[in-house]
Amino acid sequence: MSTKPRQPAAKKAAKASPKPRQKIVQALPAPLTNEGGAHPGLPLLTDLRQMIAEAREQVGRTVNAGLTLLYWEVGTRIRKDILQDARAEYGGKIVSAVGRQLEREFGRGFGDKNLRRMIQFAEVFPEREIVVSLIRQLSWTHFIALIPLGKPLQRDFYAEMCRVERWSVSALRSKIAGMLFERTALSKKPAKLAAMELKALRDEDKLTPDLVFRDPYFLDFLGLKDTYAEKDLEAAILREMESFILELGVGFAFLERQKRVTVDGVDHYLDLLFYHRNLRRLVAVELKLEDFKPGDKGQMELYLG
């Protein structure tokens, strides 16, 4: 039996060598510069950043105002529906039960403790219109600082001055701790007259000197100790002018030291001269270390005349 000769095995095809990989390079836009090397996009970026920041701030204020008004309405509703006609012990139990239920549904912000704070809020600020005007500037944390104040005039003073001068929460707490209200001439007026001035401030943003000036002023930040002269006091005020103006209050602008005032050909020198933007008046400051004397009054009247 004949057989066909076996054909030689075909050589395996050589393995093709891989093609070199091509690097993918993403071209980045070159910085936009003009001939002088300045970046023309910087003003645009600055404006856009400002727009975004302002929008975020506006959203934050809107949310805060909405929540604060909600807290007032919650407190008002509880007072009306539960506490007004109920015995104190029974009403308190209902508030606790409502707080537990709301906390389960909406979180700790509506628990028993915070509900009672909302009730206090509605008690000390019973008029919705006043609350609406205040929440444009005051946050819920501002109101938490105001609620414990015992006197209505005192509370209204801090609320309105905070609104007008746009105090931060820390600034408000500092003013309260420093007894700002008690140091104003307003606190020494009859309650009815003081209430009228606060109403004018609320309705017309009308500041009066009795709301602006205070007695005494606290100048501990000047760091003066033991014995010092009037010129040392003046130099310390000039050195700490920013802190001094903060103690004076919002609206003061420093104009000049040792302002020359000529009367009948005689030169007199006023220690410090300020301008108050809201009162639209010049404010003269004469520094004295001794007790007040009648001649001091005459000296100031000479300057003001």
Protein backbone atom coordinates (compact mmCIF):
# COMPACT_ATOMS: atom_id res chain seq x y z
CA MET A 1 0.00 0.00 0.00
CA SER A 2 1.42 3.28 -1.10
CA THR A 3 1.21 6.36 1.03
CA LYS A 4 1.59 9.99 0.16
CA PRO A 5 4.58 11.64 1.63
CA ARG A 6 3.71 13.86 4.65
CA GLN A 7 3.84 17.47 3.77
CA PRO A 8 6.17 19.54 5.89
CA ALA A 9 4.39 21.45 8.68
CA ALA A 10 3.66 24.99 7.77
CA LYS A 11 5.63 27.47 9.73
CA LYS A 12 3.64 29.38 12.25
CA ALA A 13 3.01 32.89 11.15
CA ALA A 14 5.30 35.27 12.88
CA LYS A 15 3.57 37.20 15.63
CA ALA A 16 2.98 40.69 14.46
CA SER A 17 4.76 43.22 16.61
CA PRO A 18 2.40 45.67 18.34
CA LYS A 19 2.03 49.07 16.87
CA PRO A 20 3.57 51.83 18.93
CA ARG A 21 0.99 53.48 21.16
CA GLN A 22 0.04 56.97 20.31
CA LYS A 23 0.05 59.41 23.17
CA ILE A 24 -3.19 61.33 23.51
CA VAL A 25 -2.41 64.83 24.53
CA GLN A 26 -5.23 67.16 25.49
CA ALA A 27 -4.37 70.65 24.54
CA LEU A 28 -5.05 73.07 27.38
CA PRO A 29 -6.00 76.61 26.50
CA ALA A 30 -3.12 78.94 27.02
CA PRO A 31 -3.63 81.68 29.59
CA LEU A 32 -5.22 84.67 28.05
CA THR A 33 -2.72 87.45 28.22
CA ASN A 34 -2.35 90.65 26.36
CA GLU A 35 0.85 92.20 25.14
CA GLY A 36 1.66 93.60 28.57
CA GLY A 37 1.33 90.18 30.20
CA ALA A 38 -1.87 91.08 32.05
CA HIS A 39 -4.65 88.52 32.33
CA PRO A 40 -7.79 90.03 30.78
CA GLY A 41 -9.93 87.31 32.39
CA LEU A 42 -9.15 88.45 35.96
CA PRO A 43 -11.83 91.18 36.11
CA LEU A 44 -14.36 88.64 34.80
CA LEU A 45 -13.36 86.04 37.41
CA THR A 46 -13.50 88.65 40.15
CA ASP A 47 -16.99 89.71 39.11
CA LEU A 48 -18.20 86.12 38.85
CA ARG A 49 -16.84 85.24 42.28
CA GLN A 50 -18.60 88.27 43.73
CA MET A 51 -21.87 87.35 42.01
CA ILE A 52 -21.72 83.81 43.39
CA ALA A 53 -20.79 84.95 46.90
CA GLU A 54 -23.59 87.55 46.96
CA ALA A 55 -26.13 85.02 45.69
CA ARG A 56 -25.11 82.51 48.35
CA GLU A 57 -25.35 85.18 51.03
CA GLN A 58 -28.79 86.23 49.79
CA VAL A 59 -29.99 82.62 49.80
CA GLY A 60 -28.66 82.21 53.34
CA ARG A 61 -30.47 85.35 54.52
CA THR A 62 -33.70 84.23 52.87
CA VAL A 63 -33.52 80.77 54.46
CA ASN A 64 -32.70 82.25 57.85
CA ALA A 65 -35.55 84.75 57.65
CA GLY A 66 -37.99 82.01 56.64
CA LEU A 67 -36.93 79.71 59.48
CA THR A 68 -37.03 82.50 62.07
CA LEU A 69 -40.54 83.50 61.02
CA LEU A 70 -41.55 79.83 61.15
CA TYR A 71 -40.22 79.57 64.72
CA TRP A 72 -42.27 82.64 65.68
CA GLU A 73 -45.41 81.19 64.09
CA VAL A 74 -44.88 77.82 65.80
CA GLY A 75 -44.47 79.54 69.16
CA THR A 76 -47.54 81.71 68.56
CA ARG A 77 -49.68 78.73 67.56
CA ILE A 78 -48.66 76.70 70.62
CA ARG A 79 -49.40 79.64 72.90
CA LYS A 80 -52.80 80.11 71.34
CA ASP A 81 -53.89 76.47 71.07
CA ILE A 82 -52.30 74.88 74.12
CA LEU A 83 -50.99 77.25 76.76
CA GLN A 84 -53.50 80.08 76.79
CA ASP A 85 -56.43 78.11 78.21
CA ALA A 86 -54.59 75.17 79.76
CA ARG A 87 -53.21 74.80 83.26
CA ALA A 88 -49.44 75.34 83.32
CA GLU A 89 -48.58 71.75 84.33
CA TYR A 90 -50.97 70.20 81.83
CA GLY A 91 -49.89 72.57 79.04
CA GLY A 92 -46.23 71.79 79.71
CA LYS A 93 -46.89 68.07 79.32
CA ILE A 94 -48.60 68.64 75.98
CA VAL A 95 -45.66 70.75 74.75
CA SER A 96 -43.24 67.96 75.73
CA ALA A 97 -45.34 65.37 73.90
CA VAL A 98 -45.59 67.55 70.79
CA GLY A 99 -41.85 68.18 70.93
CA ARG A 100 -41.05 64.45 71.04
CA GLN A 101 -43.25 63.78 68.04
CA LEU A 102 -41.88 66.70 65.99
CA GLU A 103 -38.30 65.74 66.87
CA ARG A 104 -38.87 62.24 65.48
CA GLU A 105 -40.23 63.68 62.26
CA PHE A 106 -38.14 66.84 61.73
CA GLY A 107 -35.04 66.52 63.91
CA ARG A 108 -33.69 68.07 67.12
CA GLY A 109 -34.45 71.61 66.00
CA PHE A 110 -38.12 71.01 66.89
CA GLY A 111 -37.59 69.14 70.15
CA ASP A 112 -39.05 70.09 73.52
CA LYS A 113 -36.29 72.56 74.49
CA ASN A 114 -36.41 74.47 71.22
CA LEU A 115 -40.22 74.54 71.18
CA ARG A 116 -40.16 76.27 74.57
CA ARG A 117 -37.68 78.78 73.18
CA MET A 118 -40.03 79.46 70.25
CA ILE A 119 -42.84 80.04 72.74
CA GLN A 120 -40.68 82.55 74.61
CA PHE A 121 -39.84 84.20 71.27
CA ALA A 122 -43.53 84.71 70.54
CA GLU A 123 -44.12 86.01 74.07
CA VAL A 124 -41.44 88.72 74.03
CA PHE A 125 -42.02 89.69 70.38
CA PRO A 126 -45.81 89.41 70.06
CA GLU A 127 -46.20 91.65 66.97
CA ARG A 128 -45.64 89.90 63.65
CA GLU A 129 -44.85 93.15 61.80
CA ILE A 130 -41.95 93.91 64.12
CA VAL A 131 -40.57 90.39 63.73
CA VAL A 132 -40.79 90.64 59.93
CA SER A 133 -38.84 93.92 59.95
CA LEU A 134 -36.15 92.52 62.26
CA ILE A 135 -35.50 89.23 60.45
CA ARG A 136 -34.14 91.09 57.45
CA GLN A 137 -30.97 91.67 59.50
CA LEU A 138 -31.23 89.53 62.64
CA SER A 139 -30.69 85.78 62.64
CA TRP A 140 -32.33 83.25 64.95
CA THR A 141 -29.12 83.30 67.03
CA HIS A 142 -29.55 87.07 67.50
CA PHE A 143 -33.03 86.47 68.89
CA ILE A 144 -31.73 83.76 71.24
CA ALA A 145 -29.44 86.43 72.75
CA LEU A 146 -32.34 88.90 73.04
CA ILE A 147 -35.01 86.62 74.51
CA PRO A 148 -33.58 86.44 78.07
CA LEU A 149 -33.49 90.25 78.48
CA GLY A 150 -36.01 91.14 81.16
CA LYS A 151 -37.06 94.69 80.23
CA PRO A 152 -39.04 95.34 77.04
CA LEU A 153 -37.33 98.72 76.44
CA GLN A 154 -33.93 97.16 76.88
CA ARG A 155 -34.78 94.33 74.49
CA ASP A 156 -36.28 96.67 71.89
CA PHE A 157 -33.23 98.96 72.09
CA TYR A 158 -30.79 96.14 71.36
CA ALA A 159 -33.00 94.67 68.63
CA GLU A 160 -33.39 97.95 66.75
CA MET A 161 -29.77 99.09 67.17
CA CYS A 162 -28.67 95.64 65.99
CA ARG A 163 -30.87 96.00 62.93
CA VAL A 164 -29.72 99.54 62.09
CA GLU A 165 -26.02 99.04 62.79
CA ARG A 166 -25.94 95.42 61.55
CA TRP A 167 -24.19 93.91 64.56
CA SER A 168 -22.92 90.38 64.42
CA VAL A 169 -24.11 87.93 67.09
CA SER A 170 -20.82 88.31 68.96
CA ALA A 171 -21.08 92.10 68.77
CA LEU A 172 -24.63 91.98 70.14
CA ARG A 173 -23.56 89.78 73.05
CA SER A 174 -20.64 92.10 73.73
CA LYS A 175 -22.94 95.16 73.78
CA ILE A 176 -25.31 93.42 76.19
CA ALA A 177 -22.45 92.31 78.45
CA GLY A 178 -21.06 95.87 78.38
CA MET A 179 -24.48 97.23 79.48
CA LEU A 180 -24.74 99.53 76.47
CA PHE A 181 -28.43 100.28 77.06
CA GLU A 182 -27.83 101.26 80.68
CA ARG A 183 -25.07 103.65 79.56
CA THR A 184 -27.26 105.58 77.12
CA ALA A 185 -29.28 108.67 77.96
CA LEU A 186 -32.32 106.81 76.63
CA SER A 187 -32.34 104.43 79.60
CA LYS A 188 -32.70 107.37 81.99
CA LYS A 189 -35.74 108.83 80.23
CA PRO A 190 -39.35 108.10 81.21
CA ALA A 191 -40.49 104.83 79.65
CA LYS A 192 -43.08 106.51 77.43
CA LEU A 193 -40.57 108.95 75.89
CA ALA A 194 -37.99 106.20 75.43
CA ALA A 195 -40.59 104.04 73.68
CA MET A 196 -41.41 106.93 71.31
CA GLU A 197 -37.76 107.28 70.31
CA LEU A 198 -37.47 103.55 69.68
CA LYS A 199 -40.63 103.66 67.57
CA ALA A 200 -39.13 106.47 65.46
CA LEU A 201 -36.00 104.36 65.04
CA ARG A 202 -38.11 101.36 63.99
CA ASP A 203 -40.38 103.24 61.59
CA GLU A 204 -38.01 105.84 60.15
CA ASP A 205 -34.48 104.63 61.01
CA LYS A 206 -34.18 107.91 62.90
CA LEU A 207 -31.23 107.97 65.28
CA THR A 208 -31.15 110.55 68.07
CA PRO A 209 -28.18 111.62 70.22
CA ASP A 210 -29.75 109.83 73.19
CA LEU A 211 -29.45 106.55 71.27
CA VAL A 212 -25.88 107.20 70.11
CA PHE A 213 -23.98 108.69 73.05
CA ARG A 214 -23.31 106.84 76.29
CA ASP A 215 -21.94 107.44 79.74
CA PRO A 216 -19.49 106.11 80.72
CA TYR A 217 -17.30 104.92 77.86
CA PHE A 218 -15.09 101.91 78.54
CA LEU A 219 -11.48 102.60 77.48
CA ASP A 220 -9.69 99.66 79.07
CA PHE A 221 -8.32 98.66 75.67
CA LEU A 222 -6.04 101.75 75.72
CA GLY A 223 -3.82 99.99 78.24
CA LEU A 224 -3.20 103.11 80.36
CA LYS A 225 -2.18 102.34 83.94
CA ASP A 226 -1.29 104.29 87.06
CA THR A 227 -0.55 107.97 86.39
CA TYR A 228 -0.83 109.50 82.93
CA ALA A 229 -1.47 112.92 81.40
CA GLU A 230 -4.12 114.10 78.96
CA LYS A 231 -1.60 113.99 76.11
CA ASP A 232 -0.94 110.30 76.95
CA LEU A 233 -4.67 109.63 76.78
CA GLU A 234 -4.89 111.39 73.39
CA ALA A 235 -1.89 109.48 72.03
CA ALA A 236 -3.37 106.16 73.21
CA ILE A 237 -6.70 106.93 71.52
CA LEU A 238 -4.94 107.76 68.26
CA ARG A 239 -2.94 104.54 68.54
CA GLU A 240 -6.09 102.48 69.16
CA MET A 241 -8.41 104.54 66.96
CA GLU A 242 -10.20 101.51 65.47
CA SER A 243 -11.06 100.15 68.94
CA PHE A 244 -12.00 103.64 70.13
CA ILE A 245 -14.46 104.10 67.26
CA LEU A 246 -15.95 100.65 67.98
CA GLU A 247 -16.55 101.79 71.55
CA LEU A 248 -18.09 105.06 70.32
CA GLY A 249 -20.44 103.13 68.03
CA VAL A 250 -21.23 102.71 64.35
CA GLY A 251 -21.36 105.89 62.25
CA PHE A 252 -18.38 107.77 63.69
CA ALA A 253 -15.56 108.93 61.40
CA PHE A 254 -12.35 110.51 62.72
CA LEU A 255 -11.53 113.88 61.17
CA GLU A 256 -8.73 115.65 63.02
CA ARG A 257 -6.69 115.96 66.23
CA GLN A 258 -5.82 119.31 67.82
CA LYS A 259 -8.26 121.10 65.54
CA ARG A 260 -7.55 124.82 65.62
CA VAL A 261 -10.54 127.01 66.41
CA THR A 262 -9.99 130.75 66.24
CA VAL A 263 -12.33 132.95 68.26
CA ASP A 264 -11.81 136.75 68.38
CA GLY A 265 -8.27 136.34 67.08
CA VAL A 266 -7.33 133.81 69.76
CA ASP A 267 -6.41 130.24 68.76
CA HIS A 268 -7.93 127.35 70.70
CA TYR A 269 -7.23 123.66 70.04
CA LEU A 270 -9.87 120.95 70.17
CA ASP A 271 -8.45 117.55 71.16
CA LEU A 272 -10.40 115.29 68.76
CA LEU A 273 -12.98 115.97 66.07
CA PHE A 274 -15.33 113.32 64.65
CA TYR A 275 -18.27 113.26 62.26
CA HIS A 276 -21.33 111.06 62.74
CA ARG A 277 -22.76 109.98 59.39
CA ASN A 278 -26.27 109.13 60.59
CA LEU A 279 -26.72 112.14 62.84
CA ARG A 280 -24.99 114.33 60.22
CA ARG A 281 -23.24 116.25 62.94
CA LEU A 282 -19.70 117.09 63.99
CA VAL A 283 -18.76 115.59 67.35
CA ALA A 284 -16.14 117.40 69.44
CA VAL A 285 -14.16 115.48 72.07
CA GLU A 286 -12.24 117.35 74.78
CA LEU A 287 -10.16 115.07 77.00
CA LYS A 288 -10.08 115.82 80.75
CA LEU A 289 -8.67 113.72 83.59
CA GLU A 290 -10.19 115.73 86.42
CA ASP A 291 -13.82 115.88 87.49
CA PHE A 292 -16.14 117.93 85.31
CA LYS A 293 -16.11 121.68 86.02
CA PRO A 294 -18.43 124.48 84.85
CA GLY A 295 -15.53 125.95 82.88
CA ASP A 296 -15.34 122.75 80.81
CA LYS A 297 -18.90 123.30 79.64
CA GLY A 298 -18.05 126.85 78.66
CA GLN A 299 -15.00 125.67 76.74
CA MET A 300 -17.06 123.22 74.68
CA GLU A 301 -19.73 125.84 74.00
CA LEU A 302 -16.96 128.10 72.73
CA TYR A 303 -15.88 125.44 70.24
CA LEU A 304 -19.43 124.67 69.16
CA GLY A 305 -20.35 128.30 68.77
